[in-house]
Amino acid sequence: MKRILPAAMGGAVLHTALFGLAVVILTGCAGSKGLDRASLQEALRAETQQLLAQSNPVPPQTSRLSVPFTLAVYLQPKTYLERRFEWTAADRETLTAWGERLKSDGVLSDLLLLADSSVHGRGLNDIRLAAARYGADAVLIMDGAAAVDRYNNAKAAFVYWTILGAYLASGTHSDALVLLEGTFWEIRTQSLRFSVEAEALARTVGPAAFVRDHDTVEQAKRQALAAFGKRLEDHLKSHLVKQ
């Protein structure tokens, strides 16, 4: 005897199949495309070149910056570029911790985090003037970019056509690369003293329904900030403390 499914049941089966197909498509059924480090580096270098074009540096030998000094930090805000991420409260807490360490080492007298609202423009002079209004002797301008490669592994092909597969099987990868660059400018002379770079990779593997690219980027950013902080401290001590 031929079995005939009720219309409601047939619709549910069709809905399940379509949902599974949508999950595969939306979660990236293609293989890994890799992470374009060169593109991120080019984007950050372009930002730095814009700042350099706006500067009017005085020869380094005329510098009068001495320790301890007050350092302002400006985090370049997110723009329409998808490569740039949001700076979070946790990132600002990390910067504050750097400041405390450098104050205890006698390098800084204070560290100031410049709010976006305090900088009236996007140019180097706008940032420098905002830092000067708060009594800073130097300003660190930080910028960052991120890339994400989201793809499925072999498990996805077998189980993502079901609803439960997208919630249970570890078939989705999210790889993130974060690059950070900071340029250290002396306020009085408007000269670039040095720059610091750092990068980090992070990976998340799990069910498609629970893997969030944003979380992977944040994980990579935390690692990059840790490396950046160590390099910044080394640069400050080698470039300034010994003068």
C-alpha atoms as a PDB file:
ATOM      1  CA  MET A   1       0.000   0.000   0.000  1.00  0.00           C
ATOM      2  CA  LYS A   2       1.303   3.388  -0.925  1.00  0.00           C
ATOM      3  CA  ARG A   3       1.762   5.673   2.044  1.00  0.00           C
ATOM      4  CA  ILE A   4       0.655   9.267   1.629  1.00  0.00           C
ATOM      5  CA  LEU A   5       2.141  11.808   4.009  1.00  0.00           C
ATOM      6  CA  PRO A   6      -0.220  14.380   5.452  1.00  0.00           C
ATOM      7  CA  ALA A   7       0.227  17.795   3.866  1.00  0.00           C
ATOM      8  CA  ALA A   8       1.462  19.278   7.147  1.00  0.00           C
ATOM      9  CA  MET A   9       4.080  16.555   7.546  1.00  0.00           C
ATOM     10  CA  GLY A  10       5.225  16.919   3.957  1.00  0.00           C
ATOM     11  CA  GLY A  11       5.600  20.633   4.473  1.00  0.00           C
ATOM     12  CA  ALA A  12       7.682  20.066   7.595  1.00  0.00           C
ATOM     13  CA  VAL A  13      10.020  17.713   5.726  1.00  0.00           C
ATOM     14  CA  LEU A  14      10.430  20.246   2.940  1.00  0.00           C
ATOM     15  CA  HIS A  15      11.053  23.024   5.483  1.00  0.00           C
ATOM     16  CA  THR A  16      13.742  20.910   7.167  1.00  0.00           C
ATOM     17  CA  ALA A  17      15.487  20.222   3.881  1.00  0.00           C
ATOM     18  CA  LEU A  18      15.406  23.865   2.837  1.00  0.00           C
ATOM     19  CA  PHE A  19      16.662  24.989   6.234  1.00  0.00           C
ATOM     20  CA  GLY A  20      19.567  22.580   6.057  1.00  0.00           C
ATOM     21  CA  LEU A  21      20.430  23.784   2.572  1.00  0.00           C
ATOM     22  CA  ALA A  22      20.294  27.401   3.730  1.00  0.00           C
ATOM     23  CA  VAL A  23      22.612  26.652   6.633  1.00  0.00           C
ATOM     24  CA  VAL A  24      25.195  25.113   4.318  1.00  0.00           C
ATOM     25  CA  ILE A  25      25.058  28.093   1.989  1.00  0.00           C
ATOM     26  CA  LEU A  26      25.097  30.758   4.677  1.00  0.00           C
ATOM     27  CA  THR A  27      27.849  29.202   6.789  1.00  0.00           C
ATOM     28  CA  GLY A  28      30.303  28.921   3.951  1.00  0.00           C
ATOM     29  CA  CYS A  29      30.215  25.611   2.114  1.00  0.00           C
ATOM     30  CA  ALA A  30      33.310  26.516   0.104  1.00  0.00           C
ATOM     31  CA  GLY A  31      36.804  25.636   1.223  1.00  0.00           C
ATOM     32  CA  SER A  32      39.244  27.965   2.904  1.00  0.00           C
ATOM     33  CA  LYS A  33      40.165  31.086   0.942  1.00  0.00           C
ATOM     34  CA  GLY A  34      43.028  32.013   3.224  1.00  0.00           C
ATOM     35  CA  LEU A  35      43.783  35.271   5.016  1.00  0.00           C
ATOM     36  CA  ASP A  36      45.068  38.186   2.952  1.00  0.00           C
ATOM     37  CA  ARG A  37      47.812  39.629   5.150  1.00  0.00           C
ATOM     38  CA  ALA A  38      49.195  41.794   2.333  1.00  0.00           C
ATOM     39  CA  SER A  39      45.860  43.575   1.873  1.00  0.00           C
ATOM     40  CA  LEU A  40      45.641  44.398   5.582  1.00  0.00           C
ATOM     41  CA  GLN A  41      49.228  45.654   5.667  1.00  0.00           C
ATOM     42  CA  GLU A  42      48.559  47.855   2.644  1.00  0.00           C
ATOM     43  CA  ALA A  43      45.485  49.365   4.306  1.00  0.00           C
ATOM     44  CA  LEU A  44      47.396  50.224   7.486  1.00  0.00           C
ATOM     45  CA  ARG A  45      50.381  51.626   5.598  1.00  0.00           C
ATOM     46  CA  ALA A  46      48.072  53.874   3.605  1.00  0.00           C
ATOM     47  CA  GLU A  47      46.716  55.323   6.868  1.00  0.00           C
ATOM     48  CA  THR A  48      50.263  55.908   8.163  1.00  0.00           C
ATOM     49  CA  GLN A  49      51.326  57.573   4.924  1.00  0.00           C
ATOM     50  CA  GLN A  50      48.408  59.983   5.226  1.00  0.00           C
ATOM     51  CA  LEU A  51      49.590  60.978   8.694  1.00  0.00           C
ATOM     52  CA  LEU A  52      53.166  61.406   7.500  1.00  0.00           C
ATOM     53  CA  ALA A  53      52.027  63.605   4.632  1.00  0.00           C
ATOM     54  CA  GLN A  54      50.380  65.924   7.170  1.00  0.00           C
ATOM     55  CA  SER A  55      53.405  66.176   9.464  1.00  0.00           C
ATOM     56  CA  ASN A  56      56.064  68.882   9.535  1.00  0.00           C
ATOM     57  CA  PRO A  57      58.768  67.137  11.520  1.00  0.00           C
ATOM     58  CA  VAL A  58      61.642  68.857  13.265  1.00  0.00           C
ATOM     59  CA  PRO A  59      64.987  67.009  13.181  1.00  0.00           C
ATOM     60  CA  PRO A  60      65.169  64.482  16.067  1.00  0.00           C
ATOM     61  CA  GLN A  61      68.206  66.123  17.678  1.00  0.00           C
ATOM     62  CA  THR A  62      66.063  69.123  18.641  1.00  0.00           C
ATOM     63  CA  SER A  63      63.686  66.911  20.649  1.00  0.00           C
ATOM     64  CA  ARG A  64      63.198  67.828  24.291  1.00  0.00           C
ATOM     65  CA  LEU A  65      60.956  64.933  25.300  1.00  0.00           C
ATOM     66  CA  SER A  66      62.164  63.529  28.584  1.00  0.00           C
ATOM     67  CA  VAL A  67      60.849  60.984  31.065  1.00  0.00           C
ATOM     68  CA  PRO A  68      58.546  60.750  32.819  1.00  0.00           C
ATOM     69  CA  PHE A  69      56.076  62.238  30.329  1.00  0.00           C
ATOM     70  CA  THR A  70      52.344  62.241  29.685  1.00  0.00           C
ATOM     71  CA  LEU A  71      51.225  60.033  26.816  1.00  0.00           C
ATOM     72  CA  ALA A  72      47.881  60.333  25.045  1.00  0.00           C
ATOM     73  CA  VAL A  73      46.518  57.351  23.121  1.00  0.00           C
ATOM     74  CA  TYR A  74      44.110  57.742  20.225  1.00  0.00           C
ATOM     75  CA  LEU A  75      42.324  54.700  18.805  1.00  0.00           C
ATOM     76  CA  GLN A  76      41.426  55.256  15.176  1.00  0.00           C
ATOM     77  CA  PRO A  77      37.637  54.766  14.936  1.00  0.00           C
ATOM     78  CA  LYS A  78      35.932  52.268  12.687  1.00  0.00           C
ATOM     79  CA  THR A  79      35.043  53.592   9.237  1.00  0.00           C
ATOM     80  CA  TYR A  80      33.182  52.208   6.254  1.00  0.00           C
ATOM     81  CA  LEU A  81      36.116  49.875   5.624  1.00  0.00           C
ATOM     82  CA  GLU A  82      35.119  46.364   6.616  1.00  0.00           C
ATOM     83  CA  ARG A  83      38.704  45.612   7.590  1.00  0.00           C
ATOM     84  CA  ARG A  84      38.588  47.901  10.616  1.00  0.00           C
ATOM     85  CA  PHE A  85      37.103  46.590  13.850  1.00  0.00           C
ATOM     86  CA  GLU A  86      35.525  48.255  16.843  1.00  0.00           C
ATOM     87  CA  TRP A  87      37.653  49.123  19.858  1.00  0.00           C
ATOM     88  CA  THR A  88      36.005  47.816  23.017  1.00  0.00           C
ATOM     89  CA  ALA A  89      35.955  48.690  26.700  1.00  0.00           C
ATOM     90  CA  ALA A  90      38.209  45.673  27.295  1.00  0.00           C
ATOM     91  CA  ASP A  91      40.775  47.131  24.885  1.00  0.00           C
ATOM     92  CA  ARG A  92      40.766  50.403  26.806  1.00  0.00           C
ATOM     93  CA  GLU A  93      41.265  48.505  30.059  1.00  0.00           C
ATOM     94  CA  THR A  94      44.302  46.842  28.490  1.00  0.00           C
ATOM     95  CA  LEU A  95      45.712  50.252  27.568  1.00  0.00           C
ATOM     96  CA  THR A  96      45.135  51.503  31.103  1.00  0.00           C
ATOM     97  CA  ALA A  97      47.081  48.514  32.435  1.00  0.00           C
ATOM     98  CA  TRP A  98      49.985  49.412  30.113  1.00  0.00           C
ATOM     99  CA  GLY A  99      49.942  52.912  31.503  1.00  0.00           C
ATOM    100  CA  GLU A 100      50.093  51.684  35.090  1.00  0.00           C
ATOM    101  CA  ARG A 101      53.095  49.478  34.338  1.00  0.00           C
ATOM    102  CA  LEU A 102      54.936  52.289  32.559  1.00  0.00           C
ATOM    103  CA  LYS A 103      54.138  54.695  35.402  1.00  0.00           C
ATOM    104  CA  SER A 104      55.567  52.250  37.932  1.00  0.00           C
ATOM    105  CA  ASP A 105      58.700  51.959  35.764  1.00  0.00           C
ATOM    106  CA  GLY A 106      59.124  55.739  35.793  1.00  0.00           C
ATOM    107  CA  VAL A 107      58.545  56.097  32.029  1.00  0.00           C
ATOM    108  CA  LEU A 108      55.146  57.808  32.147  1.00  0.00           C
ATOM    109  CA  SER A 109      53.693  60.368  34.497  1.00  0.00           C
ATOM    110  CA  ASP A 110      50.214  59.698  33.077  1.00  0.00           C
ATOM    111  CA  LEU A 111      48.379  57.950  30.236  1.00  0.00           C
ATOM    112  CA  LEU A 112      45.310  59.583  28.676  1.00  0.00           C
ATOM    113  CA  LEU A 113      42.791  57.857  26.421  1.00  0.00           C
ATOM    114  CA  LEU A 114      41.444  60.386  23.925  1.00  0.00           C
ATOM    115  CA  ALA A 115      37.712  60.073  23.298  1.00  0.00           C
ATOM    116  CA  ASP A 116      36.514  60.368  19.704  1.00  0.00           C
ATOM    117  CA  SER A 117      34.444  63.399  20.691  1.00  0.00           C
ATOM    118  CA  SER A 118      37.582  65.257  21.813  1.00  0.00           C
ATOM    119  CA  VAL A 119      39.170  65.096  18.357  1.00  0.00           C
ATOM    120  CA  HIS A 120      37.564  67.543  15.933  1.00  0.00           C
ATOM    121  CA  GLY A 121      38.640  65.968  12.659  1.00  0.00           C
ATOM    122  CA  ARG A 122      40.597  62.998  11.362  1.00  0.00           C
ATOM    123  CA  GLY A 123      43.962  64.584  10.596  1.00  0.00           C
ATOM    124  CA  LEU A 124      47.246  64.410  12.489  1.00  0.00           C
ATOM    125  CA  ASN A 125      46.980  68.037  13.578  1.00  0.00           C
ATOM    126  CA  ASP A 126      43.468  67.446  14.943  1.00  0.00           C
ATOM    127  CA  ILE A 127      44.714  64.542  17.037  1.00  0.00           C
ATOM    128  CA  ARG A 128      47.824  66.422  18.157  1.00  0.00           C
ATOM    129  CA  LEU A 129      45.820  69.482  19.240  1.00  0.00           C
ATOM    130  CA  ALA A 130      43.362  67.322  21.208  1.00  0.00           C
ATOM    131  CA  ALA A 131      46.256  65.616  23.001  1.00  0.00           C
ATOM    132  CA  ALA A 132      47.890  68.981  23.723  1.00  0.00           C
ATOM    133  CA  ARG A 133      44.678  70.342  25.272  1.00  0.00           C
ATOM    134  CA  TYR A 134      44.884  67.588  27.882  1.00  0.00           C
ATOM    135  CA  GLY A 135      48.542  68.301  28.614  1.00  0.00           C
ATOM    136  CA  ALA A 136      50.088  65.355  26.749  1.00  0.00           C
ATOM    137  CA  ASP A 137      53.713  65.464  25.646  1.00  0.00           C
ATOM    138  CA  ALA A 138      53.299  62.722  23.043  1.00  0.00           C
ATOM    139  CA  VAL A 139      50.486  60.817  21.356  1.00  0.00           C
ATOM    140  CA  LEU A 140      50.275  57.202  20.267  1.00  0.00           C
ATOM    141  CA  ILE A 141      47.904  56.750  17.318  1.00  0.00           C
ATOM    142  CA  MET A 142      46.725  53.162  17.079  1.00  0.00           C
ATOM    143  CA  ASP A 143      45.091  51.545  14.090  1.00  0.00           C
ATOM    144  CA  GLY A 144      44.054  47.983  13.369  1.00  0.00           C
ATOM    145  CA  ALA A 145      42.623  45.748  10.675  1.00  0.00           C
ATOM    146  CA  ALA A 146      41.184  42.247  10.627  1.00  0.00           C
ATOM    147  CA  ALA A 147      40.403  39.532   8.095  1.00  0.00           C
ATOM    148  CA  VAL A 148      38.225  36.449   8.565  1.00  0.00           C
ATOM    149  CA  ASP A 149      38.247  33.174   6.650  1.00  0.00           C
ATOM    150  CA  ARG A 150      35.078  31.169   7.360  1.00  0.00           C
ATOM    151  CA  TYR A 151      34.717  27.716   5.833  1.00  0.00           C
ATOM    152  CA  ASN A 152      33.391  24.213   6.441  1.00  0.00           C
ATOM    153  CA  ASN A 153      35.232  20.959   6.979  1.00  0.00           C
ATOM    154  CA  ALA A 154      34.238  17.462   5.852  1.00  0.00           C
ATOM    155  CA  LYS A 155      31.743  17.014   8.694  1.00  0.00           C
ATOM    156  CA  ALA A 156      29.536  19.750   7.287  1.00  0.00           C
ATOM    157  CA  ALA A 157      28.896  17.889   4.045  1.00  0.00           C
ATOM    158  CA  PHE A 158      27.463  14.918   5.940  1.00  0.00           C
ATOM    159  CA  VAL A 159      25.401  16.530   8.681  1.00  0.00           C
ATOM    160  CA  TYR A 160      24.579  20.163   7.850  1.00  0.00           C
ATOM    161  CA  TRP A 161      21.592  19.146   5.750  1.00  0.00           C
ATOM    162  CA  THR A 162      19.793  18.387   9.010  1.00  0.00           C
ATOM    163  CA  ILE A 163      18.727  20.941  11.586  1.00  0.00           C
ATOM    164  CA  LEU A 164      20.548  19.204  14.433  1.00  0.00           C
ATOM    165  CA  GLY A 165      23.741  18.972  12.409  1.00  0.00           C
ATOM    166  CA  ALA A 166      24.177  22.733  12.391  1.00  0.00           C
ATOM    167  CA  TYR A 167      23.865  22.753  16.194  1.00  0.00           C
ATOM    168  CA  LEU A 168      25.865  19.639  17.099  1.00  0.00           C
ATOM    169  CA  ALA A 169      28.592  18.928  14.546  1.00  0.00           C
ATOM    170  CA  SER A 170      31.887  20.855  14.642  1.00  0.00           C
ATOM    171  CA  GLY A 171      31.838  21.487  10.921  1.00  0.00           C
ATOM    172  CA  THR A 172      32.630  25.207  10.687  1.00  0.00           C
ATOM    173  CA  HIS A 173      35.982  26.974  10.968  1.00  0.00           C
ATOM    174  CA  SER A 174      36.456  30.665  11.616  1.00  0.00           C
ATOM    175  CA  ASP A 175      40.044  31.890  11.233  1.00  0.00           C
ATOM    176  CA  ALA A 176      40.901  35.499  12.052  1.00  0.00           C
ATOM    177  CA  LEU A 177      44.001  37.584  11.465  1.00  0.00           C
ATOM    178  CA  VAL A 178      44.421  40.896  13.291  1.00  0.00           C
ATOM    179  CA  LEU A 179      47.135  43.440  12.525  1.00  0.00           C
ATOM    180  CA  LEU A 180      47.876  46.409  14.774  1.00  0.00           C
ATOM    181  CA  GLU A 181      50.028  49.442  14.086  1.00  0.00           C
ATOM    182  CA  GLY A 182      50.871  52.326  16.365  1.00  0.00           C
ATOM    183  CA  THR A 183      52.741  55.521  15.530  1.00  0.00           C
ATOM    184  CA  PHE A 184      54.354  57.535  18.331  1.00  0.00           C
ATOM    185  CA  TRP A 185      54.329  61.302  17.718  1.00  0.00           C
ATOM    186  CA  GLU A 186      55.987  64.016  19.767  1.00  0.00           C
ATOM    187  CA  ILE A 187      53.488  66.823  20.336  1.00  0.00           C
ATOM    188  CA  ARG A 188      55.812  69.835  20.316  1.00  0.00           C
ATOM    189  CA  THR A 189      57.833  68.915  17.234  1.00  0.00           C
ATOM    190  CA  GLN A 190      55.078  66.928  15.481  1.00  0.00           C
ATOM    191  CA  SER A 191      57.763  64.371  14.619  1.00  0.00           C
ATOM    192  CA  LEU A 192      57.293  60.620  14.293  1.00  0.00           C
ATOM    193  CA  ARG A 193      59.645  58.985  16.788  1.00  0.00           C
ATOM    194  CA  PHE A 194      58.899  55.327  16.052  1.00  0.00           C
ATOM    195  CA  SER A 195      56.185  52.868  15.065  1.00  0.00           C
ATOM    196  CA  VAL A 196      55.116  49.537  16.547  1.00  0.00           C
ATOM    197  CA  GLU A 197      53.475  46.611  14.770  1.00  0.00           C
ATOM    198  CA  ALA A 198      51.968  43.367  16.015  1.00  0.00           C
ATOM    199  CA  GLU A 199      49.718  40.640  14.688  1.00  0.00           C
ATOM    200  CA  ALA A 200      47.954  37.499  15.859  1.00  0.00           C
ATOM    201  CA  LEU A 201      45.968  34.570  14.484  1.00  0.00           C
ATOM    202  CA  ALA A 202      43.023  32.868  16.139  1.00  0.00           C
ATOM    203  CA  ARG A 203      40.767  29.963  15.164  1.00  0.00           C
ATOM    204  CA  THR A 204      37.355  28.804  16.290  1.00  0.00           C
ATOM    205  CA  VAL A 205      35.947  25.402  15.280  1.00  0.00           C
ATOM    206  CA  GLY A 206      32.420  24.339  16.145  1.00  0.00           C
ATOM    207  CA  PRO A 207      28.818  23.957  15.001  1.00  0.00           C
ATOM    208  CA  ALA A 208      27.725  26.545  12.432  1.00  0.00           C
ATOM    209  CA  ALA A 209      24.978  27.845  14.698  1.00  0.00           C
ATOM    210  CA  PHE A 210      27.462  28.806  17.423  1.00  0.00           C
ATOM    211  CA  VAL A 211      30.625  29.915  15.603  1.00  0.00           C
ATOM    212  CA  ARG A 212      30.760  33.708  15.552  1.00  0.00           C
ATOM    213  CA  ASP A 213      33.393  35.484  13.484  1.00  0.00           C
ATOM    214  CA  HIS A 214      33.238  38.465  15.842  1.00  0.00           C
ATOM    215  CA  ASP A 215      34.384  36.291  18.757  1.00  0.00           C
ATOM    216  CA  THR A 216      37.323  34.938  16.746  1.00  0.00           C
ATOM    217  CA  VAL A 217      38.397  38.464  15.808  1.00  0.00           C
ATOM    218  CA  GLU A 218      38.220  39.524  19.463  1.00  0.00           C
ATOM    219  CA  GLN A 219      40.372  36.549  20.467  1.00  0.00           C
ATOM    220  CA  ALA A 220      43.000  37.461  17.868  1.00  0.00           C
ATOM    221  CA  LYS A 221      42.831  41.117  18.893  1.00  0.00           C
ATOM    222  CA  ARG A 222      43.535  40.271  22.537  1.00  0.00           C
ATOM    223  CA  GLN A 223      46.618  38.305  21.506  1.00  0.00           C
ATOM    224  CA  ALA A 224      47.811  41.068  19.187  1.00  0.00           C
ATOM    225  CA  LEU A 225      47.346  43.686  21.919  1.00  0.00           C
ATOM    226  CA  ALA A 226      49.448  41.633  24.328  1.00  0.00           C
ATOM    227  CA  ALA A 227      52.292  41.449  21.800  1.00  0.00           C
ATOM    228  CA  PHE A 228      51.868  45.126  20.907  1.00  0.00           C
ATOM    229  CA  GLY A 229      52.062  46.184  24.553  1.00  0.00           C
ATOM    230  CA  LYS A 230      55.333  44.352  25.119  1.00  0.00           C
ATOM    231  CA  ARG A 231      56.890  45.893  22.001  1.00  0.00           C
ATOM    232  CA  LEU A 232      55.638  49.348  22.940  1.00  0.00           C
ATOM    233  CA  GLU A 233      57.231  49.111  26.376  1.00  0.00           C
ATOM    234  CA  ASP A 234      60.517  47.977  24.826  1.00  0.00           C
ATOM    235  CA  HIS A 235      60.458  50.856  22.324  1.00  0.00           C
ATOM    236  CA  LEU A 236      59.687  53.466  24.956  1.00  0.00           C
ATOM    237  CA  LYS A 237      62.470  52.297  27.222  1.00  0.00           C
ATOM    238  CA  SER A 238      65.055  51.985  24.443  1.00  0.00           C
ATOM    239  CA  HIS A 239      64.160  55.241  22.642  1.00  0.00           C
ATOM    240  CA  LEU A 240      63.450  57.510  25.580  1.00  0.00           C
ATOM    241  CA  VAL A 241      64.661  56.272  28.950  1.00  0.00           C
ATOM    242  CA  LYS A 242      68.285  56.025  27.862  1.00  0.00           C
ATOM    243  CA  GLN A 243      68.374  59.609  26.497  1.00  0.00           C
END
